[in-house]
């Protein structure tokens, strides 16, 4: 199995076709696209993936940033985005409260694709993720733009420390990239735009986590960043690539 996570930046816009072609060249089995929007560029991505044999599912509110999930194998899906307690509806990006959580259930595997909001609003999303993990009896993966990391090693230079670090570190899952690369390794999946008053800083905010059952079922797990989408300017994030093959029994 190969999964690719790629934040497509503000729905993809005129870059949608280039994003689709980049994904097609890599032939993944699973794709998660945070910041997907239910608009014309979003339709290009959704239809383009479906024409290439993917089943798709989406979680978003109107034209706000959400998530598109796609897979070559059939799955059942459900949106588990927390409600905005203040408004009684899903968080709205237009109010700086965007985000989406989408479960894909393959029967013997569950994948939660995510786009977390900024600030302390992430706490409600961590609560949902933890509840989903604890309720799962099969291999489980959380993959998404979490907009969080460890402030000691996942932020470069003078970058702003993350909110909800305690919730991030308390997830009952293993950080697959850090498990492979080490506790003090550093690599950036997104860089803040420079300004006259502030330099650009790197952040590792795009993540893949798995439970013990996933790590038992799959061997030769590799988790790494592909910086080419950012270097090609088709988005402002690097892609996170997760590959794993099933453990042979015998």
C-alpha atoms as a PDB file:
ATOM      1  CA  UNK A   1       0.000   0.000   0.000  1.00  0.00           C
ATOM      2  CA  UNK A   2       1.188   3.474  -0.816  1.00  0.00           C
ATOM      3  CA  UNK A   3      -0.627   6.526   0.551  1.00  0.00           C
ATOM      4  CA  UNK A   4       0.050  10.156  -0.347  1.00  0.00           C
ATOM      5  CA  UNK A   5      -0.992  13.121   1.762  1.00  0.00           C
ATOM      6  CA  UNK A   6      -0.854  16.505   0.036  1.00  0.00           C
ATOM      7  CA  UNK A   7      -2.324  19.799   1.253  1.00  0.00           C
ATOM      8  CA  UNK A   8      -3.372  21.441  -2.016  1.00  0.00           C
ATOM      9  CA  UNK A   9      -3.514  25.063  -0.745  1.00  0.00           C
ATOM     10  CA  UNK A  10      -6.810  26.942  -0.910  1.00  0.00           C
ATOM     11  CA  UNK A  11      -8.573  24.251  -2.934  1.00  0.00           C
ATOM     12  CA  UNK A  12      -5.975  24.014  -5.671  1.00  0.00           C
ATOM     13  CA  UNK A  13      -7.309  26.824  -7.875  1.00  0.00           C
ATOM     14  CA  UNK A  14      -5.703  26.927 -11.326  1.00  0.00           C
ATOM     15  CA  UNK A  15      -3.147  24.397 -10.066  1.00  0.00           C
ATOM     16  CA  UNK A  16      -5.734  21.602  -9.838  1.00  0.00           C
ATOM     17  CA  UNK A  17      -4.784  19.928 -13.118  1.00  0.00           C
ATOM     18  CA  UNK A  18      -1.076  20.077 -12.261  1.00  0.00           C
ATOM     19  CA  UNK A  19      -1.799  18.545  -8.854  1.00  0.00           C
ATOM     20  CA  UNK A  20      -3.831  15.780 -10.499  1.00  0.00           C
ATOM     21  CA  UNK A  21      -1.039  15.025 -12.978  1.00  0.00           C
ATOM     22  CA  UNK A  22       1.572  14.962 -10.201  1.00  0.00           C
ATOM     23  CA  UNK A  23      -0.529  12.455  -8.254  1.00  0.00           C
ATOM     24  CA  UNK A  24      -1.166  10.310 -11.334  1.00  0.00           C
ATOM     25  CA  UNK A  25       2.552   9.986 -12.057  1.00  0.00           C
ATOM     26  CA  UNK A  26       3.093   8.453  -8.618  1.00  0.00           C
ATOM     27  CA  UNK A  27       0.294   5.867  -8.858  1.00  0.00           C
ATOM     28  CA  UNK A  28      -0.619   5.695  -5.143  1.00  0.00           C
ATOM     29  CA  UNK A  29      -3.287   3.397  -3.736  1.00  0.00           C
ATOM     30  CA  UNK A  30      -4.620   5.994  -1.282  1.00  0.00           C
ATOM     31  CA  UNK A  31      -4.728   9.802  -1.498  1.00  0.00           C
ATOM     32  CA  UNK A  32      -5.700  12.422   1.095  1.00  0.00           C
ATOM     33  CA  UNK A  33      -5.989  16.068   0.013  1.00  0.00           C
ATOM     34  CA  UNK A  34      -6.454  18.595   2.848  1.00  0.00           C
ATOM     35  CA  UNK A  35      -7.771  22.040   1.858  1.00  0.00           C
ATOM     36  CA  UNK A  36      -9.932  20.477  -0.868  1.00  0.00           C
ATOM     37  CA  UNK A  37     -12.957  22.653  -1.623  1.00  0.00           C
ATOM     38  CA  UNK A  38     -16.344  21.862  -3.106  1.00  0.00           C
ATOM     39  CA  UNK A  39     -15.942  24.148  -6.119  1.00  0.00           C
ATOM     40  CA  UNK A  40     -14.826  23.979  -9.762  1.00  0.00           C
ATOM     41  CA  UNK A  41     -11.153  23.113  -9.086  1.00  0.00           C
ATOM     42  CA  UNK A  42     -12.338  20.590  -6.504  1.00  0.00           C
ATOM     43  CA  UNK A  43     -14.549  18.981  -9.142  1.00  0.00           C
ATOM     44  CA  UNK A  44     -11.544  18.712 -11.485  1.00  0.00           C
ATOM     45  CA  UNK A  45      -9.616  16.809  -8.824  1.00  0.00           C
ATOM     46  CA  UNK A  46     -12.532  14.596  -7.789  1.00  0.00           C
ATOM     47  CA  UNK A  47     -13.568  13.681 -11.341  1.00  0.00           C
ATOM     48  CA  UNK A  48      -9.968  13.239 -12.424  1.00  0.00           C
ATOM     49  CA  UNK A  49      -9.278  10.751  -9.649  1.00  0.00           C
ATOM     50  CA  UNK A  50     -12.524   8.872 -10.288  1.00  0.00           C
ATOM     51  CA  UNK A  51     -11.685   8.571 -14.004  1.00  0.00           C
ATOM     52  CA  UNK A  52      -8.405   6.942 -12.938  1.00  0.00           C
ATOM     53  CA  UNK A  53     -10.163   4.237 -10.941  1.00  0.00           C
ATOM     54  CA  UNK A  54     -10.366   5.818  -7.496  1.00  0.00           C
ATOM     55  CA  UNK A  55     -13.390   5.833  -5.223  1.00  0.00           C
ATOM     56  CA  UNK A  56     -13.652   9.257  -3.576  1.00  0.00           C
ATOM     57  CA  UNK A  57     -15.278  10.773  -0.497  1.00  0.00           C
ATOM     58  CA  UNK A  58     -15.217  14.330   0.813  1.00  0.00           C
ATOM     59  CA  UNK A  59     -15.821  16.227   4.025  1.00  0.00           C
ATOM     60  CA  UNK A  60     -16.334  19.973   3.842  1.00  0.00           C
ATOM     61  CA  UNK A  61     -18.831  22.734   4.600  1.00  0.00           C
ATOM     62  CA  UNK A  62     -19.949  24.586   1.482  1.00  0.00           C
ATOM     63  CA  UNK A  63     -16.817  26.068  -0.133  1.00  0.00           C
ATOM     64  CA  UNK A  64     -14.668  25.904   2.999  1.00  0.00           C
ATOM     65  CA  UNK A  65     -11.417  23.990   3.245  1.00  0.00           C
ATOM     66  CA  UNK A  66     -12.064  20.300   3.818  1.00  0.00           C
ATOM     67  CA  UNK A  67     -10.609  16.930   2.830  1.00  0.00           C
ATOM     68  CA  UNK A  68     -10.875  14.747  -0.241  1.00  0.00           C
ATOM     69  CA  UNK A  69     -10.028  11.074   0.295  1.00  0.00           C
ATOM     70  CA  UNK A  70      -9.512   8.644  -2.586  1.00  0.00           C
ATOM     71  CA  UNK A  71      -8.601   4.949  -2.761  1.00  0.00           C
ATOM     72  CA  UNK A  72      -8.328   2.215  -5.367  1.00  0.00           C
ATOM     73  CA  UNK A  73     -10.115  -0.258  -3.040  1.00  0.00           C
ATOM     74  CA  UNK A  74     -13.796   0.139  -2.037  1.00  0.00           C
ATOM     75  CA  UNK A  75     -14.560   1.676   1.348  1.00  0.00           C
ATOM     76  CA  UNK A  76     -17.381   3.087   3.440  1.00  0.00           C
ATOM     77  CA  UNK A  77     -16.987   6.680   4.592  1.00  0.00           C
ATOM     78  CA  UNK A  78     -18.323   8.957   7.295  1.00  0.00           C
ATOM     79  CA  UNK A  79     -17.655  12.550   8.282  1.00  0.00           C
ATOM     80  CA  UNK A  80     -16.674  12.860  11.948  1.00  0.00           C
ATOM     81  CA  UNK A  81     -15.796  16.558  11.989  1.00  0.00           C
ATOM     82  CA  UNK A  82     -16.615  18.027  15.423  1.00  0.00           C
ATOM     83  CA  UNK A  83     -19.338  20.614  15.643  1.00  0.00           C
ATOM     84  CA  UNK A  84     -18.605  24.206  16.521  1.00  0.00           C
ATOM     85  CA  UNK A  85     -20.176  24.351  19.963  1.00  0.00           C
ATOM     86  CA  UNK A  86     -20.765  28.079  19.536  1.00  0.00           C
ATOM     87  CA  UNK A  87     -22.784  27.673  16.328  1.00  0.00           C
ATOM     88  CA  UNK A  88     -23.999  24.088  16.445  1.00  0.00           C
ATOM     89  CA  UNK A  89     -22.574  23.242  13.017  1.00  0.00           C
ATOM     90  CA  UNK A  90     -19.209  22.195  11.524  1.00  0.00           C
ATOM     91  CA  UNK A  91     -16.311  24.618  11.927  1.00  0.00           C
ATOM     92  CA  UNK A  92     -16.205  27.292   9.222  1.00  0.00           C
ATOM     93  CA  UNK A  93     -12.953  28.368   7.570  1.00  0.00           C
ATOM     94  CA  UNK A  94     -14.484  31.761   6.803  1.00  0.00           C
ATOM     95  CA  UNK A  95     -14.494  32.438  10.523  1.00  0.00           C
ATOM     96  CA  UNK A  96     -10.975  31.106  10.994  1.00  0.00           C
ATOM     97  CA  UNK A  97     -12.500  27.903  12.362  1.00  0.00           C
ATOM     98  CA  UNK A  98     -12.130  25.495   9.407  1.00  0.00           C
ATOM     99  CA  UNK A  99     -11.297  21.816   9.507  1.00  0.00           C
ATOM    100  CA  UNK A 100     -12.541  18.374   8.544  1.00  0.00           C
ATOM    101  CA  UNK A 101     -12.250  14.741   9.640  1.00  0.00           C
ATOM    102  CA  UNK A 102     -13.214  11.868   7.331  1.00  0.00           C
ATOM    103  CA  UNK A 103     -13.166   8.148   8.169  1.00  0.00           C
ATOM    104  CA  UNK A 104     -12.630   5.570   5.417  1.00  0.00           C
ATOM    105  CA  UNK A 105     -13.489   2.038   6.550  1.00  0.00           C
ATOM    106  CA  UNK A 106     -12.059  -0.817   4.453  1.00  0.00           C
ATOM    107  CA  UNK A 107     -13.241  -3.508   6.864  1.00  0.00           C
ATOM    108  CA  UNK A 108      -9.775  -4.695   7.862  1.00  0.00           C
ATOM    109  CA  UNK A 109      -8.311  -1.164   7.904  1.00  0.00           C
ATOM    110  CA  UNK A 110      -9.565   2.276   8.926  1.00  0.00           C
ATOM    111  CA  UNK A 111      -7.996   5.538   7.718  1.00  0.00           C
ATOM    112  CA  UNK A 112      -8.870   8.894   9.261  1.00  0.00           C
ATOM    113  CA  UNK A 113      -7.907  11.754   6.935  1.00  0.00           C
ATOM    114  CA  UNK A 114      -7.737  15.157   8.562  1.00  0.00           C
ATOM    115  CA  UNK A 115      -7.400  18.876   8.143  1.00  0.00           C
ATOM    116  CA  UNK A 116      -7.083  20.587  11.529  1.00  0.00           C
ATOM    117  CA  UNK A 117      -7.861  24.273  12.204  1.00  0.00           C
ATOM    118  CA  UNK A 118      -5.348  26.615  13.779  1.00  0.00           C
ATOM    119  CA  UNK A 119      -4.951  27.705  17.374  1.00  0.00           C
ATOM    120  CA  UNK A 120      -6.646  26.072  20.336  1.00  0.00           C
ATOM    121  CA  UNK A 121      -9.618  25.002  18.205  1.00  0.00           C
ATOM    122  CA  UNK A 122      -7.625  21.885  17.385  1.00  0.00           C
ATOM    123  CA  UNK A 123      -8.429  20.448  20.823  1.00  0.00           C
ATOM    124  CA  UNK A 124     -11.882  19.273  19.701  1.00  0.00           C
ATOM    125  CA  UNK A 125     -10.326  17.526  16.698  1.00  0.00           C
ATOM    126  CA  UNK A 126      -7.806  15.708  18.893  1.00  0.00           C
ATOM    127  CA  UNK A 127     -10.695  14.519  21.085  1.00  0.00           C
ATOM    128  CA  UNK A 128     -12.481  13.024  18.074  1.00  0.00           C
ATOM    129  CA  UNK A 129      -9.294  11.390  16.784  1.00  0.00           C
ATOM    130  CA  UNK A 130      -8.573   9.815  20.155  1.00  0.00           C
ATOM    131  CA  UNK A 131     -12.134   8.514  20.432  1.00  0.00           C
ATOM    132  CA  UNK A 132     -11.930   7.013  16.932  1.00  0.00           C
ATOM    133  CA  UNK A 133      -8.653   5.282  17.755  1.00  0.00           C
ATOM    134  CA  UNK A 134      -9.960   3.857  21.008  1.00  0.00           C
ATOM    135  CA  UNK A 135     -13.110   2.559  19.304  1.00  0.00           C
ATOM    136  CA  UNK A 136     -11.194   0.826  16.508  1.00  0.00           C
ATOM    137  CA  UNK A 137     -10.473  -2.914  16.669  1.00  0.00           C
ATOM    138  CA  UNK A 138      -8.581  -3.062  13.347  1.00  0.00           C
ATOM    139  CA  UNK A 139      -5.391  -1.455  11.973  1.00  0.00           C
ATOM    140  CA  UNK A 140      -5.875   2.317  12.107  1.00  0.00           C
ATOM    141  CA  UNK A 141      -4.063   5.226  10.426  1.00  0.00           C
ATOM    142  CA  UNK A 142      -4.473   8.961  10.977  1.00  0.00           C
ATOM    143  CA  UNK A 143      -3.094  10.952   8.068  1.00  0.00           C
ATOM    144  CA  UNK A 144      -3.480  14.675   7.597  1.00  0.00           C
ATOM    145  CA  UNK A 145      -2.430  18.282   7.976  1.00  0.00           C
ATOM    146  CA  UNK A 146      -2.658  18.460  11.763  1.00  0.00           C
ATOM    147  CA  UNK A 147      -1.333  22.045  11.967  1.00  0.00           C
ATOM    148  CA  UNK A 148       0.538  20.863  15.056  1.00  0.00           C
ATOM    149  CA  UNK A 149       3.753  19.145  16.027  1.00  0.00           C
ATOM    150  CA  UNK A 150       6.317  19.188  18.787  1.00  0.00           C
ATOM    151  CA  UNK A 151       7.375  22.779  19.411  1.00  0.00           C
ATOM    152  CA  UNK A 152      10.901  21.654  20.369  1.00  0.00           C
ATOM    153  CA  UNK A 153      11.759  19.874  17.103  1.00  0.00           C
ATOM    154  CA  UNK A 154       8.971  20.495  14.560  1.00  0.00           C
ATOM    155  CA  UNK A 155       9.432  24.288  14.398  1.00  0.00           C
ATOM    156  CA  UNK A 156      12.391  26.035  12.791  1.00  0.00           C
ATOM    157  CA  UNK A 157      14.175  29.051  14.235  1.00  0.00           C
ATOM    158  CA  UNK A 158      11.859  31.803  15.420  1.00  0.00           C
ATOM    159  CA  UNK A 159       8.702  30.071  14.208  1.00  0.00           C
ATOM    160  CA  UNK A 160       5.617  30.402  16.400  1.00  0.00           C
ATOM    161  CA  UNK A 161       5.227  27.459  18.828  1.00  0.00           C
ATOM    162  CA  UNK A 162       2.233  25.210  18.284  1.00  0.00           C
ATOM    163  CA  UNK A 163      -0.985  25.196  20.277  1.00  0.00           C
ATOM    164  CA  UNK A 164      -2.301  21.863  21.599  1.00  0.00           C
ATOM    165  CA  UNK A 165       1.125  20.222  21.779  1.00  0.00           C
ATOM    166  CA  UNK A 166       0.036  18.194  24.827  1.00  0.00           C
ATOM    167  CA  UNK A 167      -2.912  16.773  22.880  1.00  0.00           C
ATOM    168  CA  UNK A 168      -0.632  16.008  19.934  1.00  0.00           C
ATOM    169  CA  UNK A 169       1.823  14.113  22.130  1.00  0.00           C
ATOM    170  CA  UNK A 170      -0.998  12.301  23.946  1.00  0.00           C
ATOM    171  CA  UNK A 171      -2.428  10.696  20.788  1.00  0.00           C
ATOM    172  CA  UNK A 172      -2.564   6.911  21.403  1.00  0.00           C
ATOM    173  CA  UNK A 173      -0.733   6.333  18.113  1.00  0.00           C
ATOM    174  CA  UNK A 174       2.830   6.148  16.808  1.00  0.00           C
ATOM    175  CA  UNK A 175       4.231   8.994  14.686  1.00  0.00           C
ATOM    176  CA  UNK A 176       5.422   6.927  11.715  1.00  0.00           C
ATOM    177  CA  UNK A 177       7.842   9.520  10.337  1.00  0.00           C
ATOM    178  CA  UNK A 178       9.521  10.032  13.701  1.00  0.00           C
ATOM    179  CA  UNK A 179       9.618   6.292  14.375  1.00  0.00           C
ATOM    180  CA  UNK A 180      11.674   5.913  11.206  1.00  0.00           C
ATOM    181  CA  UNK A 181      13.852   9.021  11.412  1.00  0.00           C
ATOM    182  CA  UNK A 182      14.453   9.429  15.144  1.00  0.00           C
ATOM    183  CA  UNK A 183      13.315  11.514  18.098  1.00  0.00           C
ATOM    184  CA  UNK A 184      15.364  14.627  17.234  1.00  0.00           C
ATOM    185  CA  UNK A 185      15.182  14.529  13.412  1.00  0.00           C
ATOM    186  CA  UNK A 186      13.955  17.656  11.639  1.00  0.00           C
ATOM    187  CA  UNK A 187      12.325  18.170   8.259  1.00  0.00           C
ATOM    188  CA  UNK A 188       9.780  20.760   7.179  1.00  0.00           C
ATOM    189  CA  UNK A 189       6.542  20.032   5.311  1.00  0.00           C
ATOM    190  CA  UNK A 190       5.502  23.696   5.084  1.00  0.00           C
ATOM    191  CA  UNK A 191       7.266  27.051   5.306  1.00  0.00           C
ATOM    192  CA  UNK A 192       5.684  30.280   6.524  1.00  0.00           C
ATOM    193  CA  UNK A 193       5.719  33.102   3.969  1.00  0.00           C
ATOM    194  CA  UNK A 194       8.439  35.689   4.648  1.00  0.00           C
ATOM    195  CA  UNK A 195       7.577  39.289   5.450  1.00  0.00           C
ATOM    196  CA  UNK A 196       9.562  42.493   6.061  1.00  0.00           C
ATOM    197  CA  UNK A 197       9.318  41.809   9.807  1.00  0.00           C
ATOM    198  CA  UNK A 198       9.630  38.015   9.892  1.00  0.00           C
ATOM    199  CA  UNK A 199      11.791  35.433   8.169  1.00  0.00           C
ATOM    200  CA  UNK A 200      10.363  32.274   6.665  1.00  0.00           C
ATOM    201  CA  UNK A 201      10.374  29.349   9.093  1.00  0.00           C
ATOM    202  CA  UNK A 202       9.818  25.658   8.505  1.00  0.00           C
ATOM    203  CA  UNK A 203       7.180  23.551  10.254  1.00  0.00           C
ATOM    204  CA  UNK A 204       6.424  19.831  10.238  1.00  0.00           C
ATOM    205  CA  UNK A 205       2.635  19.793  10.303  1.00  0.00           C
ATOM    206  CA  UNK A 206       1.723  17.018   7.856  1.00  0.00           C
ATOM    207  CA  UNK A 207       1.695  13.682   9.645  1.00  0.00           C
ATOM    208  CA  UNK A 208       0.914   9.964   9.551  1.00  0.00           C
ATOM    209  CA  UNK A 209       0.168   8.052  12.764  1.00  0.00           C
ATOM    210  CA  UNK A 210      -0.723   4.392  13.253  1.00  0.00           C
ATOM    211  CA  UNK A 211      -1.881   2.060  16.005  1.00  0.00           C
ATOM    212  CA  UNK A 212      -0.130  -1.112  17.137  1.00  0.00           C
ATOM    213  CA  UNK A 213      -2.408  -3.302  15.007  1.00  0.00           C
ATOM    214  CA  UNK A 214      -1.314  -1.466  11.839  1.00  0.00           C
ATOM    215  CA  UNK A 215       2.356  -1.839  12.710  1.00  0.00           C
ATOM    216  CA  UNK A 216       1.822  -5.540  13.346  1.00  0.00           C
ATOM    217  CA  UNK A 217      -0.097  -6.115  10.103  1.00  0.00           C
ATOM    218  CA  UNK A 218       2.325  -4.173   7.920  1.00  0.00           C
ATOM    219  CA  UNK A 219       6.095  -4.594   7.721  1.00  0.00           C
ATOM    220  CA  UNK A 220       8.687  -2.472   5.901  1.00  0.00           C
ATOM    221  CA  UNK A 221       6.816   0.722   6.763  1.00  0.00           C
ATOM    222  CA  UNK A 222       8.371   3.790   5.175  1.00  0.00           C
ATOM    223  CA  UNK A 223       7.243   7.354   5.841  1.00  0.00           C
ATOM    224  CA  UNK A 224       8.967  10.276   4.148  1.00  0.00           C
ATOM    225  CA  UNK A 225       8.418  13.716   2.619  1.00  0.00           C
ATOM    226  CA  UNK A 226       8.507  14.435  -1.099  1.00  0.00           C
ATOM    227  CA  UNK A 227       9.278  18.130  -1.475  1.00  0.00           C
ATOM    228  CA  UNK A 228       8.740  18.286  -5.241  1.00  0.00           C
ATOM    229  CA  UNK A 229       5.142  19.644  -5.126  1.00  0.00           C
ATOM    230  CA  UNK A 230       6.354  22.624  -3.080  1.00  0.00           C
ATOM    231  CA  UNK A 231       9.475  23.073  -5.224  1.00  0.00           C
ATOM    232  CA  UNK A 232       7.303  22.996  -8.358  1.00  0.00           C
ATOM    233  CA  UNK A 233       4.934  25.579  -6.779  1.00  0.00           C
ATOM    234  CA  UNK A 234       1.842  23.468  -7.382  1.00  0.00           C
ATOM    235  CA  UNK A 235       1.131  23.883  -3.664  1.00  0.00           C
ATOM    236  CA  UNK A 236       2.901  25.294  -0.597  1.00  0.00           C
ATOM    237  CA  UNK A 237       3.193  21.929   1.209  1.00  0.00           C
ATOM    238  CA  UNK A 238       5.447  18.957   0.696  1.00  0.00           C
ATOM    239  CA  UNK A 239       3.763  15.593   0.190  1.00  0.00           C
ATOM    240  CA  UNK A 240       3.920  12.942   2.890  1.00  0.00           C
ATOM    241  CA  UNK A 241       4.357   9.449   1.458  1.00  0.00           C
ATOM    242  CA  UNK A 242       3.492   6.346   3.481  1.00  0.00           C
ATOM    243  CA  UNK A 243       4.304   2.929   2.043  1.00  0.00           C
ATOM    244  CA  UNK A 244       3.804  -0.426   3.750  1.00  0.00           C
ATOM    245  CA  UNK A 245       3.636  -4.084   2.782  1.00  0.00           C
ATOM    246  CA  UNK A 246       1.777  -6.759   4.725  1.00  0.00           C
ATOM    247  CA  UNK A 247       3.740  -8.950   7.114  1.00  0.00           C
ATOM    248  CA  UNK A 248       4.134 -12.484   5.774  1.00  0.00           C
ATOM    249  CA  UNK A 249       2.925 -15.206   8.130  1.00  0.00           C
ATOM    250  CA  UNK A 250       4.716 -18.534   8.058  1.00  0.00           C
END
